[in-house]
Amino acid sequence: PAAPFSISIGGIPTSYTYAGTAPQSFSGFFQVNAVIPANAGPGNIPVVLVVGGVSSTSLNVAVR
């Protein structure tokens, strides 16, 4: 995206290994491969992407 972005998992700011276009997808689709923090804990953990100061709808990732 043109604006700065960040991602958090379980409320913990996290790093990512890739951010850009999704291979074999349509124009405008943005993919982020994030690293789940070691201290996130198990269960359904909320993931939030913030782009240009606007938060996404929270989605969950299952962690064991």
Protein backbone atom coordinates (compact mmCIF):
# COMPACT_ATOMS: atom_id res chain seq x y z
CA PRO A 1 0.00 0.00 0.00
CA ALA A 2 0.99 3.63 -0.41
CA ALA A 3 0.48 4.30 3.32
CA PRO A 4 2.55 2.82 6.17
CA PHE A 5 1.15 -0.36 7.70
CA SER A 6 1.58 -2.57 10.74
CA ILE A 7 0.17 -5.88 11.90
CA SER A 8 -0.61 -7.25 15.35
CA ILE A 9 -1.49 -10.74 16.46
CA GLY A 10 -3.18 -11.10 19.82
CA GLY A 11 -2.57 -7.38 20.41
CA ILE A 12 1.18 -7.92 20.02
CA PRO A 13 2.93 -5.95 17.24
CA THR A 14 4.61 -8.48 14.99
CA SER A 15 7.00 -8.70 12.07
CA TYR A 16 6.31 -10.07 8.62
CA THR A 17 8.30 -11.97 6.02
CA TYR A 18 6.41 -10.73 2.95
CA ALA A 19 4.05 -7.88 2.13
CA GLY A 20 2.90 -7.23 -1.42
CA THR A 21 0.75 -8.49 -4.22
CA ALA A 22 -0.70 -11.96 -3.87
CA PRO A 23 0.61 -14.30 -6.56
CA GLN A 24 -2.02 -15.32 -9.15
CA SER A 25 -4.60 -12.98 -7.62
CA PHE A 26 -6.50 -9.94 -8.82
CA SER A 27 -5.22 -6.37 -8.84
CA GLY A 28 -5.46 -4.58 -5.50
CA PHE A 29 -5.26 -7.74 -3.38
CA PHE A 30 -2.63 -7.30 -0.62
CA GLN A 31 -0.97 -10.28 1.07
CA VAL A 32 0.99 -10.22 4.33
CA ASN A 33 2.89 -13.24 5.65
CA ALA A 34 3.21 -12.49 9.36
CA VAL A 35 5.26 -14.15 12.08
CA ILE A 36 3.15 -15.35 15.03
CA PRO A 37 4.79 -14.04 18.22
CA ALA A 38 6.11 -16.74 20.56
CA ASN A 39 4.15 -15.21 23.47
CA ALA A 40 0.81 -15.09 21.60
CA GLY A 41 -0.50 -18.20 23.38
CA PRO A 42 -2.79 -20.93 22.04
CA GLY A 43 -6.34 -20.58 20.74
CA ASN A 44 -8.08 -18.32 18.23
CA ILE A 45 -5.90 -15.22 18.21
CA PRO A 46 -7.11 -11.95 16.63
CA VAL A 47 -5.11 -10.51 13.73
CA VAL A 48 -5.40 -6.80 12.88
CA LEU A 49 -3.77 -4.98 9.98
CA VAL A 50 -3.48 -1.19 10.25
CA VAL A 51 -2.94 0.74 7.00
CA GLY A 52 -2.57 4.50 7.10
CA GLY A 53 -3.94 4.60 10.65
CA VAL A 54 -7.11 2.66 9.74
CA SER A 55 -7.60 -0.76 11.36
CA SER A 56 -8.96 -3.76 9.50
CA THR A 57 -11.74 -5.91 10.82
CA SER A 58 -10.26 -8.39 13.28
CA LEU A 59 -9.83 -11.91 11.93
CA ASN A 60 -8.59 -14.94 13.85
CA VAL A 61 -5.70 -17.32 13.35
CA ALA A 62 -5.76 -20.66 15.17
CA VAL A 63 -2.61 -21.29 17.25
CA ARG A 64 -1.75 -24.50 19.09
